[in-house]
Amino acid sequence: SVLTLIDKKNRQRTRELKMFSLDKADVEKSIVYFLAPADVKGTAYMSFDWEEENREDDSWLYLPALQQVKRVAASDESGAFM
């Protein structure tokens, strides 16, 4: 898949990615692998979208340059991080 990002000045950037998801009764799990361009290649984003309203969704971002997994706080999910 290709994701096109457009900023307020109408500049476009593209990301090539592969997405997988699994739907269970209590949670939807998904993972996105970024394949291109080179500056994001190898990055992965995983999220668990819980059905329970009182349970926060869980998200993680794997950054290959740091070889680290970072948890994305639910309160930060509306902001840009890629």
C-alpha atoms as a PDB file:
ATOM      1  CA  SER A   1       0.000   0.000   0.000  1.00  0.00           C
ATOM      2  CA  VAL A   2       1.025   3.606  -0.476  1.00  0.00           C
ATOM      3  CA  LEU A   3       0.267   6.366   2.021  1.00  0.00           C
ATOM      4  CA  THR A   4       0.402   9.960   0.771  1.00  0.00           C
ATOM      5  CA  LEU A   5       0.920  12.686   3.376  1.00  0.00           C
ATOM      6  CA  ILE A   6      -0.113  16.233   2.420  1.00  0.00           C
ATOM      7  CA  ASP A   7       0.846  19.196   4.600  1.00  0.00           C
ATOM      8  CA  LYS A   8      -0.857  22.599   4.891  1.00  0.00           C
ATOM      9  CA  LYS A   9       1.255  23.946   2.014  1.00  0.00           C
ATOM     10  CA  ASN A  10       0.056  21.078  -0.210  1.00  0.00           C
ATOM     11  CA  ARG A  11       3.489  19.401  -0.225  1.00  0.00           C
ATOM     12  CA  GLN A  12       3.252  15.644  -0.630  1.00  0.00           C
ATOM     13  CA  ARG A  13       5.346  12.825   0.807  1.00  0.00           C
ATOM     14  CA  THR A  14       4.696   9.143   0.223  1.00  0.00           C
ATOM     15  CA  ARG A  15       5.264   6.093   2.375  1.00  0.00           C
ATOM     16  CA  GLU A  16       5.197   2.533   1.073  1.00  0.00           C
ATOM     17  CA  LEU A  17       3.880   0.144   3.695  1.00  0.00           C
ATOM     18  CA  LYS A  18       2.518  -3.294   4.429  1.00  0.00           C
ATOM     19  CA  MET A  19      -0.344  -3.697   6.911  1.00  0.00           C
ATOM     20  CA  PHE A  20      -1.729  -6.686   8.782  1.00  0.00           C
ATOM     21  CA  SER A  21      -4.639  -6.911  11.214  1.00  0.00           C
ATOM     22  CA  LEU A  22      -6.335  -9.503  13.397  1.00  0.00           C
ATOM     23  CA  ASP A  23      -9.855  -9.082  14.759  1.00  0.00           C
ATOM     24  CA  LYS A  24     -10.687 -10.854  18.015  1.00  0.00           C
ATOM     25  CA  ALA A  25     -13.805 -10.529  20.162  1.00  0.00           C
ATOM     26  CA  ASP A  26     -12.145  -8.137  22.632  1.00  0.00           C
ATOM     27  CA  VAL A  27      -9.386  -6.467  20.588  1.00  0.00           C
ATOM     28  CA  GLU A  28      -8.326  -5.507  17.075  1.00  0.00           C
ATOM     29  CA  LYS A  29      -4.580  -5.926  16.643  1.00  0.00           C
ATOM     30  CA  SER A  30      -2.748  -4.318  13.747  1.00  0.00           C
ATOM     31  CA  ILE A  31       0.820  -3.826  12.613  1.00  0.00           C
ATOM     32  CA  VAL A  32       2.223  -1.589   9.878  1.00  0.00           C
ATOM     33  CA  TYR A  33       5.692  -2.094   8.363  1.00  0.00           C
ATOM     34  CA  PHE A  34       7.218   0.876   6.546  1.00  0.00           C
ATOM     35  CA  LEU A  35       9.089  -0.246   3.413  1.00  0.00           C
ATOM     36  CA  ALA A  36      10.068   3.067   1.780  1.00  0.00           C
ATOM     37  CA  PRO A  37      11.480   5.717   1.562  1.00  0.00           C
ATOM     38  CA  ALA A  38      14.860   4.936   3.105  1.00  0.00           C
ATOM     39  CA  ASP A  39      14.454   7.304   6.076  1.00  0.00           C
ATOM     40  CA  VAL A  40      11.502   5.276   7.451  1.00  0.00           C
ATOM     41  CA  LYS A  41      12.360   1.832   6.061  1.00  0.00           C
ATOM     42  CA  GLY A  42      12.264  -0.816   8.786  1.00  0.00           C
ATOM     43  CA  THR A  43      10.046   1.225  11.111  1.00  0.00           C
ATOM     44  CA  ALA A  44       7.015  -0.629  12.458  1.00  0.00           C
ATOM     45  CA  TYR A  45       3.871   0.529  14.272  1.00  0.00           C
ATOM     46  CA  MET A  46       1.706  -1.882  16.267  1.00  0.00           C
ATOM     47  CA  SER A  47      -1.597  -1.105  17.957  1.00  0.00           C
ATOM     48  CA  PHE A  48      -4.174  -2.925  20.056  1.00  0.00           C
ATOM     49  CA  ASP A  49      -7.635  -1.352  19.833  1.00  0.00           C
ATOM     50  CA  TRP A  50      -9.545  -2.689  22.847  1.00  0.00           C
ATOM     51  CA  GLU A  51     -13.340  -3.040  22.750  1.00  0.00           C
ATOM     52  CA  GLU A  52     -13.677  -2.152  26.454  1.00  0.00           C
ATOM     53  CA  GLU A  53     -14.517   1.549  26.649  1.00  0.00           C
ATOM     54  CA  ASN A  54     -12.674   2.042  29.935  1.00  0.00           C
ATOM     55  CA  ARG A  55      -9.461   0.433  28.633  1.00  0.00           C
ATOM     56  CA  GLU A  56      -6.922   2.613  26.811  1.00  0.00           C
ATOM     57  CA  ASP A  57      -5.704   1.422  23.439  1.00  0.00           C
ATOM     58  CA  ASP A  58      -2.059   0.318  23.279  1.00  0.00           C
ATOM     59  CA  SER A  59       0.443   1.424  20.616  1.00  0.00           C
ATOM     60  CA  TRP A  60       4.149   0.863  20.036  1.00  0.00           C
ATOM     61  CA  LEU A  61       6.639   2.172  17.496  1.00  0.00           C
ATOM     62  CA  TYR A  62       9.811   0.279  16.538  1.00  0.00           C
ATOM     63  CA  LEU A  63      12.626   2.620  15.475  1.00  0.00           C
ATOM     64  CA  PRO A  64      15.338   0.694  13.599  1.00  0.00           C
ATOM     65  CA  ALA A  65      17.985   3.449  13.865  1.00  0.00           C
ATOM     66  CA  LEU A  66      17.789   3.187  17.671  1.00  0.00           C
ATOM     67  CA  GLN A  67      16.910  -0.521  17.682  1.00  0.00           C
ATOM     68  CA  GLN A  68      14.260   0.347  20.261  1.00  0.00           C
ATOM     69  CA  VAL A  69      10.555  -0.028  20.784  1.00  0.00           C
ATOM     70  CA  LYS A  70       8.794   3.072  22.119  1.00  0.00           C
ATOM     71  CA  ARG A  71       5.312   3.024  23.580  1.00  0.00           C
ATOM     72  CA  VAL A  72       3.020   5.682  22.131  1.00  0.00           C
ATOM     73  CA  ALA A  73       0.833   7.146  24.863  1.00  0.00           C
ATOM     74  CA  ALA A  74      -2.879   7.148  24.073  1.00  0.00           C
ATOM     75  CA  SER A  75      -2.958  10.900  24.721  1.00  0.00           C
ATOM     76  CA  ASP A  76      -0.296  11.419  21.987  1.00  0.00           C
ATOM     77  CA  GLU A  77      -2.013   9.368  19.271  1.00  0.00           C
ATOM     78  CA  SER A  78      -3.663  12.386  17.648  1.00  0.00           C
ATOM     79  CA  GLY A  79      -0.278  14.010  16.939  1.00  0.00           C
ATOM     80  CA  ALA A  80       2.171  13.172  14.162  1.00  0.00           C
ATOM     81  CA  PHE A  81       4.984  10.798  14.998  1.00  0.00           C
ATOM     82  CA  MET A  82       6.056   9.436  11.574  1.00  0.00           C
END
